[in-house]
Amino acid sequence: MSDGPRGAEFTIGAEVVCSDGACGCVARVIVDPVARVLTHLVVEPRHGRGLGRLVPIDAADAGPGGVRLRCSLAEFGTFEEAEETRFLADTGEALGYGAGEVLAWPHYGLGPGMGEMASGGMPGLYTSDRVPAGEVEICRGDQVHATDGDVGRVRGLVVDAADHSVTHVLLHEGHLWGRRQIAVPIGAVKDVAAVGVRLRLSRDEVRRLPPVDLLPGD
């Protein structure tokens, strides 16, 4: 196996520690698709979802054992929340109001079903990932598409430690040629979108890229 590309490797799922203790794991990463720069890590506590924080990449260092943040646990808690929850405003729009002008509480029926949210299209809570404007999120397991078909799934990114520019996308594939990890140069990436990462390479060209070492337990 080769030593792989040089740079800071941000593996999705890696352990994250603050200066005074563990704070969770990397749930996903946020990139600027135009500048191709890693801007944020989404770090979620191990004990539950919904408490993730958007951590600016300037506050993080990647190493062999995971990611270390340049902050305390208390400071970690002040970072912007990685998810937002709001009420849907469909009812207001149906009554002639614009989106966001009317909010409705979830409807609870009485009688035998008391305490359960009634069905029938009533507005409810909606939770979505918070992604800075103009940027996109990449999650572990996102599909990677070659020019002639799917070729594997995203495992993480390698970035230049000096300016946080993405140099490689770590591709985890195992259903065609055996379980291994490949580092795809960023120049071979066409774009990153909701459908996943699209490459300028064919599956055969990806297959010819040298494999890099898998981390223990990966």
N, C-alpha and C. Protein backbone atom coordinates (compact mmCIF):
# COMPACT_ATOMS: atom_id res chain seq x y z
N MET A 1 0.85 -1.19 0.00
CA MET A 1 0.00 0.00 0.00
C MET A 1 0.89 1.25 0.00
N SER A 2 0.45 2.31 -0.69
CA SER A 2 1.23 3.55 -0.73
C SER A 2 0.96 4.38 0.52
N ASP A 3 1.82 5.38 0.72
CA ASP A 3 1.64 6.27 1.86
C ASP A 3 0.49 7.23 1.65
N GLY A 4 0.04 7.38 0.41
CA GLY A 4 -1.09 8.24 0.13
C GLY A 4 -0.68 9.70 -0.01
N PRO A 5 -1.64 10.56 -0.31
CA PRO A 5 -1.35 11.98 -0.50
C PRO A 5 -0.95 12.64 0.81
N ARG A 6 -0.10 13.65 0.71
CA ARG A 6 0.29 14.39 1.90
C ARG A 6 -0.73 15.48 2.18
N GLY A 7 -1.05 15.68 3.44
CA GLY A 7 -2.02 16.70 3.82
C GLY A 7 -2.76 16.26 5.06
N ALA A 8 -3.66 17.10 5.53
CA ALA A 8 -4.46 16.79 6.70
C ALA A 8 -5.68 15.98 6.27
N GLU A 9 -5.83 14.79 6.84
CA GLU A 9 -6.94 13.91 6.45
C GLU A 9 -8.09 14.05 7.44
N PHE A 10 -9.22 14.56 6.95
CA PHE A 10 -10.41 14.69 7.77
C PHE A 10 -11.37 13.57 7.39
N THR A 11 -11.35 12.53 8.21
CA THR A 11 -12.19 11.37 7.95
C THR A 11 -13.54 11.54 8.61
N ILE A 12 -14.60 11.35 7.85
CA ILE A 12 -15.94 11.45 8.41
C ILE A 12 -16.16 10.25 9.33
N GLY A 13 -16.51 10.54 10.57
CA GLY A 13 -16.63 9.51 11.59
C GLY A 13 -15.49 9.52 12.59
N ALA A 14 -14.44 10.34 12.33
CA ALA A 14 -13.28 10.40 13.21
C ALA A 14 -13.65 10.99 14.57
N GLU A 15 -12.95 10.55 15.60
CA GLU A 15 -13.14 11.07 16.94
C GLU A 15 -12.66 12.53 17.00
N VAL A 16 -13.36 13.33 17.81
CA VAL A 16 -13.00 14.74 17.98
C VAL A 16 -12.83 15.03 19.47
N VAL A 17 -11.74 15.70 19.82
CA VAL A 17 -11.50 16.05 21.21
C VAL A 17 -11.24 17.55 21.33
N CYS A 18 -11.70 18.13 22.44
CA CYS A 18 -11.38 19.51 22.78
C CYS A 18 -10.15 19.51 23.69
N SER A 19 -9.75 20.68 24.13
CA SER A 19 -8.56 20.76 24.97
C SER A 19 -8.76 20.09 26.32
N ASP A 20 -10.04 19.94 26.74
CA ASP A 20 -10.31 19.36 28.06
C ASP A 20 -11.21 18.12 28.01
N GLY A 21 -11.26 17.45 26.85
CA GLY A 21 -12.03 16.22 26.79
C GLY A 21 -12.66 15.95 25.45
N ALA A 22 -13.16 14.72 25.29
CA ALA A 22 -13.80 14.32 24.03
C ALA A 22 -15.12 15.04 23.85
N CYS A 23 -15.43 15.42 22.61
CA CYS A 23 -16.69 16.13 22.35
C CYS A 23 -17.55 15.45 21.30
N GLY A 24 -17.06 14.40 20.64
CA GLY A 24 -17.91 13.70 19.68
C GLY A 24 -17.15 13.16 18.49
N CYS A 25 -17.78 13.25 17.32
CA CYS A 25 -17.17 12.73 16.09
C CYS A 25 -17.56 13.62 14.93
N VAL A 26 -16.82 13.51 13.84
CA VAL A 26 -17.12 14.27 12.63
C VAL A 26 -18.30 13.60 11.93
N ALA A 27 -19.43 14.29 11.87
CA ALA A 27 -20.63 13.73 11.25
C ALA A 27 -20.67 14.01 9.75
N ARG A 28 -20.18 15.16 9.35
CA ARG A 28 -20.10 15.52 7.93
C ARG A 28 -19.17 16.71 7.80
N VAL A 29 -18.84 17.07 6.57
CA VAL A 29 -17.95 18.21 6.33
C VAL A 29 -18.65 19.18 5.38
N ILE A 30 -18.27 20.46 5.48
CA ILE A 30 -18.85 21.50 4.65
C ILE A 30 -17.75 22.09 3.78
N VAL A 31 -18.02 22.21 2.48
CA VAL A 31 -17.02 22.75 1.56
C VAL A 31 -17.61 23.87 0.72
N ASP A 32 -16.73 24.75 0.29
CA ASP A 32 -17.07 25.76 -0.72
C ASP A 32 -16.81 25.10 -2.06
N PRO A 33 -17.88 24.80 -2.84
CA PRO A 33 -17.68 24.03 -4.08
C PRO A 33 -16.99 24.81 -5.19
N VAL A 34 -16.97 26.13 -5.09
CA VAL A 34 -16.31 26.94 -6.12
C VAL A 34 -14.82 27.05 -5.81
N ALA A 35 -14.50 27.47 -4.61
CA ALA A 35 -13.08 27.59 -4.21
C ALA A 35 -12.47 26.24 -3.88
N ARG A 36 -13.35 25.21 -3.67
CA ARG A 36 -12.90 23.86 -3.30
C ARG A 36 -12.06 23.90 -2.02
N VAL A 37 -12.64 24.54 -1.02
CA VAL A 37 -12.00 24.72 0.27
C VAL A 37 -12.89 24.13 1.34
N LEU A 38 -12.29 23.41 2.29
CA LEU A 38 -13.02 22.90 3.45
C LEU A 38 -13.24 24.06 4.41
N THR A 39 -14.49 24.34 4.78
CA THR A 39 -14.79 25.50 5.62
C THR A 39 -15.22 25.12 7.03
N HIS A 40 -15.96 24.02 7.20
CA HIS A 40 -16.47 23.64 8.51
C HIS A 40 -16.48 22.12 8.68
N LEU A 41 -16.41 21.70 9.93
CA LEU A 41 -16.71 20.33 10.31
C LEU A 41 -18.01 20.35 11.10
N VAL A 42 -18.87 19.36 10.89
CA VAL A 42 -20.04 19.20 11.74
C VAL A 42 -19.67 18.12 12.76
N VAL A 43 -19.61 18.52 14.02
CA VAL A 43 -19.23 17.61 15.10
C VAL A 43 -20.45 17.32 15.96
N GLU A 44 -20.77 16.04 16.10
CA GLU A 44 -21.92 15.62 16.90
C GLU A 44 -21.45 14.79 18.10
N PRO A 45 -22.05 15.01 19.27
CA PRO A 45 -21.71 14.18 20.43
C PRO A 45 -22.05 12.73 20.18
N ARG A 46 -21.28 11.84 20.77
CA ARG A 46 -21.53 10.42 20.60
C ARG A 46 -22.84 9.97 21.23
N HIS A 47 -23.30 10.67 22.27
CA HIS A 47 -24.45 10.18 23.03
C HIS A 47 -25.79 10.59 22.44
N GLY A 48 -25.81 11.35 21.38
CA GLY A 48 -27.11 11.68 20.81
C GLY A 48 -26.99 12.63 19.63
N ARG A 49 -28.01 12.60 18.77
CA ARG A 49 -28.05 13.47 17.61
C ARG A 49 -28.78 14.76 17.96
N GLY A 50 -28.75 15.72 17.05
CA GLY A 50 -29.45 16.95 17.25
C GLY A 50 -28.67 17.99 18.04
N LEU A 51 -27.45 17.66 18.49
CA LEU A 51 -26.64 18.57 19.26
C LEU A 51 -25.36 18.93 18.52
N GLY A 52 -25.34 18.69 17.22
CA GLY A 52 -24.14 18.96 16.44
C GLY A 52 -23.82 20.44 16.35
N ARG A 53 -22.56 20.74 16.16
CA ARG A 53 -22.10 22.13 16.04
C ARG A 53 -21.30 22.31 14.75
N LEU A 54 -21.43 23.50 14.15
CA LEU A 54 -20.64 23.86 12.98
C LEU A 54 -19.31 24.42 13.48
N VAL A 55 -18.25 23.67 13.27
CA VAL A 55 -16.94 24.08 13.76
C VAL A 55 -16.12 24.63 12.61
N PRO A 56 -15.73 25.91 12.64
CA PRO A 56 -14.87 26.46 11.58
C PRO A 56 -13.58 25.66 11.48
N ILE A 57 -13.14 25.43 10.27
CA ILE A 57 -11.97 24.58 10.06
C ILE A 57 -10.72 25.19 10.68
N ASP A 58 -10.70 26.52 10.86
CA ASP A 58 -9.54 27.17 11.49
C ASP A 58 -9.37 26.73 12.94
N ALA A 59 -10.42 26.16 13.53
CA ALA A 59 -10.36 25.74 14.94
C ALA A 59 -10.03 24.26 15.08
N ALA A 60 -9.69 23.59 13.97
CA ALA A 60 -9.50 22.14 14.01
C ALA A 60 -8.15 21.73 13.42
N ASP A 61 -7.57 20.70 14.01
CA ASP A 61 -6.34 20.09 13.50
C ASP A 61 -6.58 18.59 13.36
N ALA A 62 -6.18 18.03 12.23
CA ALA A 62 -6.33 16.60 12.00
C ALA A 62 -5.03 15.88 12.31
N GLY A 63 -5.15 14.71 12.93
CA GLY A 63 -3.97 13.91 13.24
C GLY A 63 -4.29 12.44 13.11
N PRO A 64 -3.32 11.58 13.37
CA PRO A 64 -3.52 10.13 13.23
C PRO A 64 -4.64 9.59 14.12
N GLY A 65 -4.84 10.21 15.29
CA GLY A 65 -5.85 9.70 16.21
C GLY A 65 -7.21 10.33 16.06
N GLY A 66 -7.35 11.27 15.12
CA GLY A 66 -8.63 11.94 14.94
C GLY A 66 -8.44 13.43 14.78
N VAL A 67 -9.39 14.21 15.29
CA VAL A 67 -9.38 15.66 15.13
C VAL A 67 -9.31 16.31 16.50
N ARG A 68 -8.45 17.28 16.65
CA ARG A 68 -8.33 18.03 17.90
C ARG A 68 -8.77 19.47 17.65
N LEU A 69 -9.68 19.97 18.51
CA LEU A 69 -10.16 21.34 18.39
C LEU A 69 -9.36 22.26 19.29
N ARG A 70 -9.13 23.47 18.83
CA ARG A 70 -8.42 24.46 19.62
C ARG A 70 -9.40 25.25 20.48
N CYS A 71 -10.14 24.53 21.31
CA CYS A 71 -11.11 25.17 22.18
C CYS A 71 -11.46 24.21 23.31
N SER A 72 -12.11 24.73 24.34
CA SER A 72 -12.59 23.90 25.44
C SER A 72 -13.98 23.36 25.11
N LEU A 73 -14.47 22.44 25.94
CA LEU A 73 -15.82 21.92 25.75
C LEU A 73 -16.85 23.04 25.87
N ALA A 74 -16.62 23.96 26.79
CA ALA A 74 -17.55 25.08 26.95
C ALA A 74 -17.56 25.95 25.71
N GLU A 75 -16.39 26.20 25.13
CA GLU A 75 -16.32 27.01 23.91
C GLU A 75 -16.93 26.26 22.73
N PHE A 76 -16.76 24.94 22.69
CA PHE A 76 -17.39 24.14 21.64
C PHE A 76 -18.91 24.34 21.65
N GLY A 77 -19.48 24.42 22.83
CA GLY A 77 -20.92 24.60 22.94
C GLY A 77 -21.43 25.92 22.44
N THR A 78 -20.55 26.89 22.20
CA THR A 78 -20.98 28.20 21.69
C THR A 78 -20.98 28.28 20.18
N PHE A 79 -20.43 27.26 19.49
CA PHE A 79 -20.46 27.28 18.04
C PHE A 79 -21.90 27.15 17.54
N GLU A 80 -22.14 27.61 16.34
CA GLU A 80 -23.48 27.58 15.76
C GLU A 80 -24.00 26.14 15.65
N GLU A 81 -25.27 25.96 15.97
CA GLU A 81 -25.88 24.64 15.88
C GLU A 81 -25.90 24.17 14.43
N ALA A 82 -25.70 22.88 14.21
CA ALA A 82 -25.59 22.32 12.86
C ALA A 82 -26.94 21.95 12.26
N GLU A 83 -27.99 22.04 13.06
CA GLU A 83 -29.34 21.75 12.57
C GLU A 83 -30.27 22.86 13.00
N GLU A 84 -31.32 23.05 12.23
CA GLU A 84 -32.33 24.02 12.61
C GLU A 84 -33.71 23.37 12.53
N THR A 85 -34.56 23.69 13.50
CA THR A 85 -35.91 23.14 13.56
C THR A 85 -36.90 24.29 13.48
N ARG A 86 -37.90 24.17 12.64
CA ARG A 86 -38.90 25.22 12.49
C ARG A 86 -40.24 24.59 12.16
N PHE A 87 -41.30 25.39 12.30
CA PHE A 87 -42.64 24.95 11.93
C PHE A 87 -42.84 25.16 10.43
N LEU A 88 -43.53 24.22 9.81
CA LEU A 88 -43.90 24.39 8.41
C LEU A 88 -45.05 25.40 8.33
N ALA A 89 -45.09 26.18 7.26
CA ALA A 89 -46.10 27.22 7.13
C ALA A 89 -47.09 26.94 6.01
N ASP A 90 -47.29 25.65 5.70
CA ASP A 90 -48.17 25.30 4.57
C ASP A 90 -49.58 25.84 4.76
N THR A 91 -50.11 25.80 5.99
CA THR A 91 -51.47 26.24 6.22
C THR A 91 -51.63 27.71 5.87
N GLY A 92 -50.67 28.53 6.26
CA GLY A 92 -50.75 29.95 5.95
C GLY A 92 -50.80 30.20 4.46
N GLU A 93 -49.99 29.45 3.71
CA GLU A 93 -49.98 29.63 2.26
C GLU A 93 -51.33 29.23 1.67
N ALA A 94 -51.94 28.19 2.23
CA ALA A 94 -53.24 27.75 1.74
C ALA A 94 -54.31 28.79 2.00
N LEU A 95 -54.14 29.63 3.04
CA LEU A 95 -55.12 30.65 3.38
C LEU A 95 -54.82 31.99 2.71
N GLY A 96 -53.81 32.00 1.86
CA GLY A 96 -53.51 33.20 1.12
C GLY A 96 -52.35 34.01 1.66
N TYR A 97 -51.70 33.53 2.72
CA TYR A 97 -50.54 34.21 3.26
C TYR A 97 -49.27 33.69 2.60
N GLY A 98 -48.25 34.49 2.61
CA GLY A 98 -46.99 34.07 2.03
C GLY A 98 -46.24 33.12 2.94
N ALA A 99 -45.22 32.46 2.36
CA ALA A 99 -44.42 31.53 3.15
C ALA A 99 -43.74 32.27 4.29
N GLY A 100 -43.85 31.74 5.50
CA GLY A 100 -43.22 32.34 6.66
C GLY A 100 -44.07 33.37 7.37
N GLU A 101 -45.26 33.72 6.83
CA GLU A 101 -46.10 34.73 7.47
C GLU A 101 -47.01 34.14 8.54
N VAL A 102 -47.28 32.85 8.46
CA VAL A 102 -48.15 32.20 9.43
C VAL A 102 -47.47 30.93 9.91
N LEU A 103 -47.46 30.72 11.23
CA LEU A 103 -46.94 29.50 11.81
C LEU A 103 -48.06 28.77 12.52
N ALA A 104 -48.05 27.44 12.47
CA ALA A 104 -49.10 26.66 13.12
C ALA A 104 -48.47 25.65 14.05
N TRP A 105 -49.10 25.46 15.21
CA TRP A 105 -48.64 24.45 16.14
C TRP A 105 -49.09 23.08 15.70
N PRO A 106 -48.36 22.02 16.04
CA PRO A 106 -48.83 20.67 15.73
C PRO A 106 -50.21 20.44 16.35
N HIS A 107 -51.06 19.72 15.65
CA HIS A 107 -52.43 19.48 16.10
C HIS A 107 -52.51 18.16 16.86
N TYR A 108 -53.08 18.21 18.05
CA TYR A 108 -53.26 17.01 18.85
C TYR A 108 -54.75 16.74 19.00
N GLY A 109 -55.19 15.55 18.63
CA GLY A 109 -56.60 15.20 18.73
C GLY A 109 -56.96 14.76 20.13
N LEU A 110 -58.24 14.77 20.45
CA LEU A 110 -58.75 14.34 21.74
C LEU A 110 -59.36 12.95 21.61
N GLY A 111 -59.70 12.36 22.72
CA GLY A 111 -60.33 11.05 22.68
C GLY A 111 -59.30 9.95 22.76
N PRO A 112 -59.58 8.79 22.13
CA PRO A 112 -58.69 7.63 22.23
C PRO A 112 -57.27 7.93 21.78
N GLY A 113 -57.12 8.84 20.81
CA GLY A 113 -55.78 9.14 20.29
C GLY A 113 -55.12 10.30 20.97
N MET A 114 -55.68 10.72 22.12
CA MET A 114 -55.15 11.90 22.79
C MET A 114 -53.67 11.72 23.11
N GLY A 115 -52.91 12.77 22.85
CA GLY A 115 -51.47 12.71 23.12
C GLY A 115 -50.66 12.31 21.91
N GLU A 116 -51.30 11.92 20.83
CA GLU A 116 -50.59 11.58 19.60
C GLU A 116 -50.91 12.62 18.56
N MET A 117 -49.94 12.94 17.75
CA MET A 117 -50.16 13.93 16.72
C MET A 117 -51.15 13.39 15.70
N ALA A 118 -52.18 14.16 15.42
CA ALA A 118 -53.19 13.73 14.46
C ALA A 118 -52.64 13.82 13.05
N SER A 119 -53.07 12.92 12.20
CA SER A 119 -52.63 12.93 10.81
C SER A 119 -53.56 13.82 10.01
N GLY A 120 -53.35 13.89 8.71
CA GLY A 120 -54.23 14.68 7.87
C GLY A 120 -53.55 15.90 7.29
N GLY A 121 -52.23 15.91 7.28
CA GLY A 121 -51.52 16.99 6.60
C GLY A 121 -51.34 18.24 7.43
N MET A 122 -51.59 18.21 8.75
CA MET A 122 -51.39 19.38 9.59
C MET A 122 -49.90 19.70 9.66
N PRO A 123 -49.58 21.00 9.75
CA PRO A 123 -48.16 21.37 9.82
C PRO A 123 -47.49 20.79 11.05
N GLY A 124 -46.20 20.54 10.97
CA GLY A 124 -45.45 19.99 12.09
C GLY A 124 -44.04 20.54 12.10
N LEU A 125 -43.22 19.94 12.89
CA LEU A 125 -41.84 20.37 12.99
C LEU A 125 -41.02 19.83 11.83
N TYR A 126 -40.08 20.64 11.38
CA TYR A 126 -39.22 20.25 10.27
C TYR A 126 -37.78 20.56 10.66
N THR A 127 -36.94 19.56 10.63
CA THR A 127 -35.54 19.72 10.99
C THR A 127 -34.66 19.52 9.75
N SER A 128 -33.73 20.43 9.54
CA SER A 128 -32.83 20.33 8.39
C SER A 128 -31.42 20.69 8.81
N ASP A 129 -30.45 20.23 8.01
CA ASP A 129 -29.05 20.57 8.27
C ASP A 129 -28.83 22.05 7.97
N ARG A 130 -28.05 22.70 8.79
CA ARG A 130 -27.70 24.10 8.56
C ARG A 130 -26.39 24.12 7.78
N VAL A 131 -26.44 24.67 6.56
CA VAL A 131 -25.27 24.76 5.70
C VAL A 131 -25.10 26.22 5.30
N PRO A 132 -23.94 26.82 5.52
CA PRO A 132 -23.73 28.21 5.12
C PRO A 132 -24.07 28.45 3.65
N ALA A 133 -24.59 29.63 3.36
CA ALA A 133 -25.01 29.97 2.00
C ALA A 133 -23.87 29.78 1.00
N GLY A 134 -24.20 29.14 -0.10
CA GLY A 134 -23.23 28.94 -1.17
C GLY A 134 -22.31 27.76 -0.97
N GLU A 135 -22.48 27.04 0.14
CA GLU A 135 -21.62 25.89 0.41
C GLU A 135 -22.44 24.60 0.40
N VAL A 136 -21.77 23.46 0.39
CA VAL A 136 -22.46 22.17 0.34
C VAL A 136 -21.88 21.25 1.39
N GLU A 137 -22.68 20.29 1.83
CA GLU A 137 -22.21 19.33 2.81
C GLU A 137 -21.87 18.01 2.13
N ILE A 138 -20.89 17.34 2.69
CA ILE A 138 -20.51 16.01 2.22
C ILE A 138 -20.58 15.07 3.41
N CYS A 139 -21.29 13.98 3.23
CA CYS A 139 -21.48 13.01 4.31
C CYS A 139 -20.76 11.71 3.97
N ARG A 140 -20.36 10.99 5.01
CA ARG A 140 -19.75 9.68 4.79
C ARG A 140 -20.78 8.78 4.11
N GLY A 141 -20.38 8.10 3.08
CA GLY A 141 -21.30 7.22 2.37
C GLY A 141 -21.96 7.87 1.18
N ASP A 142 -21.76 9.18 0.97
CA ASP A 142 -22.31 9.80 -0.24
C ASP A 142 -21.77 9.08 -1.47
N GLN A 143 -22.63 8.92 -2.45
CA GLN A 143 -22.24 8.18 -3.66
C GLN A 143 -21.23 8.96 -4.50
N VAL A 144 -20.26 8.24 -5.06
CA VAL A 144 -19.30 8.82 -5.99
C VAL A 144 -19.60 8.25 -7.37
N HIS A 145 -19.78 9.15 -8.33
CA HIS A 145 -20.17 8.74 -9.68
C HIS A 145 -19.03 8.97 -10.68
N ALA A 146 -18.58 7.91 -11.32
CA ALA A 146 -17.64 8.03 -12.43
C ALA A 146 -18.45 8.40 -13.68
N THR A 147 -17.76 8.64 -14.80
CA THR A 147 -18.47 9.02 -16.03
C THR A 147 -19.34 7.91 -16.57
N ASP A 148 -19.03 6.66 -16.16
CA ASP A 148 -19.79 5.53 -16.70
C ASP A 148 -20.46 4.71 -15.59
N GLY A 149 -20.73 5.33 -14.45
CA GLY A 149 -21.46 4.61 -13.41
C GLY A 149 -20.92 4.86 -12.02
N ASP A 150 -21.63 4.36 -11.02
CA ASP A 150 -21.21 4.52 -9.63
C ASP A 150 -19.91 3.77 -9.39
N VAL A 151 -19.05 4.37 -8.55
CA VAL A 151 -17.73 3.77 -8.35
C VAL A 151 -17.38 3.58 -6.87
N GLY A 152 -18.15 4.11 -5.98
CA GLY A 152 -17.86 3.94 -4.56
C GLY A 152 -18.54 4.99 -3.71
N ARG A 153 -18.06 5.14 -2.48
CA ARG A 153 -18.67 6.09 -1.55
C ARG A 153 -17.61 6.93 -0.84
N VAL A 154 -18.00 8.14 -0.49
CA VAL A 154 -17.09 9.08 0.15
C VAL A 154 -16.73 8.61 1.55
N ARG A 155 -15.46 8.75 1.89
CA ARG A 155 -14.97 8.43 3.23
C ARG A 155 -14.44 9.67 3.94
N GLY A 156 -13.95 10.63 3.19
CA GLY A 156 -13.41 11.84 3.81
C GLY A 156 -12.69 12.70 2.79
N LEU A 157 -11.94 13.68 3.30
CA LEU A 157 -11.21 14.61 2.44
C LEU A 157 -9.78 14.73 2.93
N VAL A 158 -8.89 15.05 2.02
CA VAL A 158 -7.53 15.45 2.36
C VAL A 158 -7.40 16.91 1.97
N VAL A 159 -6.91 17.73 2.91
CA VAL A 159 -6.80 19.16 2.64
C VAL A 159 -5.38 19.64 2.88
N ASP A 160 -5.04 20.73 2.22
CA ASP A 160 -3.75 21.40 2.43
C ASP A 160 -3.84 22.12 3.77
N ALA A 161 -2.95 21.81 4.69
CA ALA A 161 -3.01 22.39 6.03
C ALA A 161 -2.79 23.90 6.01
N ALA A 162 -2.17 24.42 4.97
CA ALA A 162 -1.86 25.85 4.92
C ALA A 162 -3.08 26.70 4.63
N ASP A 163 -3.91 26.26 3.67
CA ASP A 163 -5.04 27.10 3.27
C ASP A 163 -6.37 26.35 3.25
N HIS A 164 -6.39 25.09 3.69
CA HIS A 164 -7.59 24.26 3.80
C HIS A 164 -8.22 23.93 2.44
N SER A 165 -7.46 24.12 1.36
CA SER A 165 -7.98 23.72 0.06
C SER A 165 -8.00 22.20 -0.03
N VAL A 166 -9.05 21.67 -0.64
CA VAL A 166 -9.19 20.22 -0.78
C VAL A 166 -8.25 19.72 -1.87
N THR A 167 -7.43 18.74 -1.54
CA THR A 167 -6.50 18.18 -2.53
C THR A 167 -6.97 16.84 -3.07
N HIS A 168 -7.67 16.06 -2.23
CA HIS A 168 -8.14 14.74 -2.64
C HIS A 168 -9.47 14.42 -1.96
N VAL A 169 -10.28 13.63 -2.63
CA VAL A 169 -11.47 13.03 -2.02
C VAL A 169 -11.15 11.57 -1.75
N LEU A 170 -11.34 11.15 -0.52
CA LEU A 170 -11.08 9.75 -0.16
C LEU A 170 -12.29 8.91 -0.53
N LEU A 171 -12.08 7.98 -1.41
CA LEU A 171 -13.13 7.11 -1.93
C LEU A 171 -12.99 5.73 -1.31
N HIS A 172 -14.06 5.25 -0.72
CA HIS A 172 -14.07 3.93 -0.11
C HIS A 172 -14.88 3.02 -1.02
N GLU A 173 -14.23 2.08 -1.62
CA GLU A 173 -14.96 1.16 -2.50
C GLU A 173 -14.59 -0.27 -2.16
N GLY A 174 -15.54 -1.18 -2.33
CA GLY A 174 -15.26 -2.55 -1.99
C GLY A 174 -16.14 -3.55 -2.68
N HIS A 175 -17.05 -3.06 -3.52
CA HIS A 175 -17.98 -3.98 -4.16
C HIS A 175 -17.52 -4.44 -5.53
N LEU A 176 -16.43 -3.81 -6.07
CA LEU A 176 -15.98 -4.22 -7.40
C LEU A 176 -14.60 -4.88 -7.35
N TRP A 177 -13.67 -4.28 -6.64
CA TRP A 177 -12.29 -4.75 -6.73
C TRP A 177 -11.69 -5.11 -5.37
N GLY A 178 -12.50 -5.35 -4.40
CA GLY A 178 -11.99 -5.64 -3.06
C GLY A 178 -11.97 -4.39 -2.21
N ARG A 179 -12.07 -4.58 -0.93
CA ARG A 179 -12.17 -3.47 0.00
C ARG A 179 -10.86 -2.68 0.04
N ARG A 180 -10.92 -1.42 -0.34
CA ARG A 180 -9.74 -0.58 -0.30
C ARG A 180 -10.15 0.89 -0.35
N GLN A 181 -9.18 1.76 -0.10
CA GLN A 181 -9.41 3.20 -0.13
C GLN A 181 -8.57 3.82 -1.22
N ILE A 182 -9.17 4.76 -1.95
CA ILE A 182 -8.49 5.44 -3.04
C ILE A 182 -8.60 6.94 -2.82
N ALA A 183 -7.53 7.66 -3.09
CA ALA A 183 -7.53 9.12 -3.00
C ALA A 183 -7.65 9.69 -4.42
N VAL A 184 -8.78 10.33 -4.70
CA VAL A 184 -9.03 10.90 -6.02
C VAL A 184 -8.59 12.36 -6.02
N PRO A 185 -7.66 12.77 -6.88
CA PRO A 185 -7.22 14.17 -6.93
C PRO A 185 -8.40 15.10 -7.19
N ILE A 186 -8.39 16.26 -6.57
CA ILE A 186 -9.52 17.17 -6.69
C ILE A 186 -9.72 17.63 -8.14
N GLY A 187 -8.64 17.63 -8.92
CA GLY A 187 -8.77 18.00 -10.33
C GLY A 187 -9.63 17.04 -11.13
N ALA A 188 -9.80 15.82 -10.60
CA ALA A 188 -10.62 14.82 -11.29
C ALA A 188 -12.08 14.88 -10.85
N VAL A 189 -12.40 15.81 -9.94
CA VAL A 189 -13.78 15.96 -9.47
C VAL A 189 -14.48 17.00 -10.32
N LYS A 190 -15.60 16.61 -10.93
CA LYS A 190 -16.36 17.54 -11.75
C LYS A 190 -17.16 18.48 -10.89
N ASP A 191 -17.92 17.95 -9.94
CA ASP A 191 -18.67 18.79 -9.02
C ASP A 191 -19.18 17.97 -7.85
N VAL A 192 -19.67 18.69 -6.86
CA VAL A 192 -20.29 18.09 -5.68
C VAL A 192 -21.71 18.62 -5.61
N ALA A 193 -22.69 17.72 -5.59
CA ALA A 193 -24.08 18.14 -5.61
C ALA A 193 -24.90 17.23 -4.71
N ALA A 194 -26.23 17.45 -4.73
CA ALA A 194 -27.11 16.63 -3.90
C ALA A 194 -27.04 15.16 -4.27
N VAL A 195 -26.69 14.86 -5.52
CA VAL A 195 -26.63 13.47 -5.96
C VAL A 195 -25.33 12.80 -5.56
N GLY A 196 -24.39 13.57 -4.99
CA GLY A 196 -23.10 13.01 -4.59
C GLY A 196 -21.95 13.70 -5.30
N VAL A 197 -20.82 13.02 -5.34
CA VAL A 197 -19.61 13.56 -5.98
C VAL A 197 -19.49 12.98 -7.38
N ARG A 198 -19.37 13.86 -8.36
CA ARG A 198 -19.24 13.41 -9.75
C ARG A 198 -17.80 13.63 -10.23
N LEU A 199 -17.25 12.58 -10.84
CA LEU A 199 -15.86 12.61 -11.30
C LEU A 199 -15.77 12.82 -12.80
N ARG A 200 -14.58 13.21 -13.24
CA ARG A 200 -14.28 13.30 -14.67
C ARG A 200 -13.65 12.01 -15.17
N LEU A 201 -13.52 11.01 -14.31
CA LEU A 201 -12.85 9.76 -14.63
C LEU A 201 -13.86 8.63 -14.85
N SER A 202 -13.45 7.66 -15.65
CA SER A 202 -14.25 6.44 -15.80
C SER A 202 -13.96 5.50 -14.64
N ARG A 203 -14.73 4.46 -14.51
CA ARG A 203 -14.48 3.50 -13.44
C ARG A 203 -13.13 2.82 -13.61
N ASP A 204 -12.72 2.53 -14.84
CA ASP A 204 -11.40 1.93 -15.07
C ASP A 204 -10.28 2.87 -14.65
N GLU A 205 -10.45 4.17 -14.94
CA GLU A 205 -9.43 5.15 -14.55
C GLU A 205 -9.34 5.25 -13.03
N VAL A 206 -10.48 5.20 -12.36
CA VAL A 206 -10.46 5.22 -10.89
C VAL A 206 -9.78 3.97 -10.38
N ARG A 207 -10.05 2.85 -11.01
CA ARG A 207 -9.46 1.58 -10.58
C ARG A 207 -7.94 1.60 -10.66
N ARG A 208 -7.40 2.37 -11.61
CA ARG A 208 -5.95 2.41 -11.78
C ARG A 208 -5.25 3.37 -10.81
N LEU A 209 -6.02 4.15 -10.06
CA LEU A 209 -5.40 5.01 -9.06
C LEU A 209 -4.81 4.17 -7.95
N PRO A 210 -3.66 4.56 -7.40
CA PRO A 210 -3.05 3.75 -6.34
C PRO A 210 -3.88 3.80 -5.06
N PRO A 211 -4.01 2.67 -4.38
CA PRO A 211 -4.73 2.65 -3.10
C PRO A 211 -3.90 3.30 -2.01
N VAL A 212 -4.58 3.78 -0.97
CA VAL A 212 -3.88 4.33 0.19
C VAL A 212 -4.27 3.51 1.41
N ASP A 213 -3.50 3.64 2.47
CA ASP A 213 -3.71 2.82 3.65
C ASP A 213 -5.05 3.09 4.30
N LEU A 214 -5.72 2.04 4.71
CA LEU A 214 -6.95 2.14 5.49
C LEU A 214 -6.58 2.30 6.95
N LEU A 215 -7.34 3.12 7.68
CA LEU A 215 -7.10 3.25 9.11
C LEU A 215 -7.59 2.01 9.83
N PRO A 216 -7.01 1.68 10.97
CA PRO A 216 -7.45 0.51 11.73
C PRO A 216 -8.93 0.57 12.02
N GLY A 217 -9.62 -0.55 11.79
CA GLY A 217 -11.04 -0.65 12.08
C GLY A 217 -11.92 -0.05 11.03
N ASP A 218 -11.32 0.41 9.92
CA ASP A 218 -12.12 1.07 8.89
C ASP A 218 -12.79 0.04 7.98
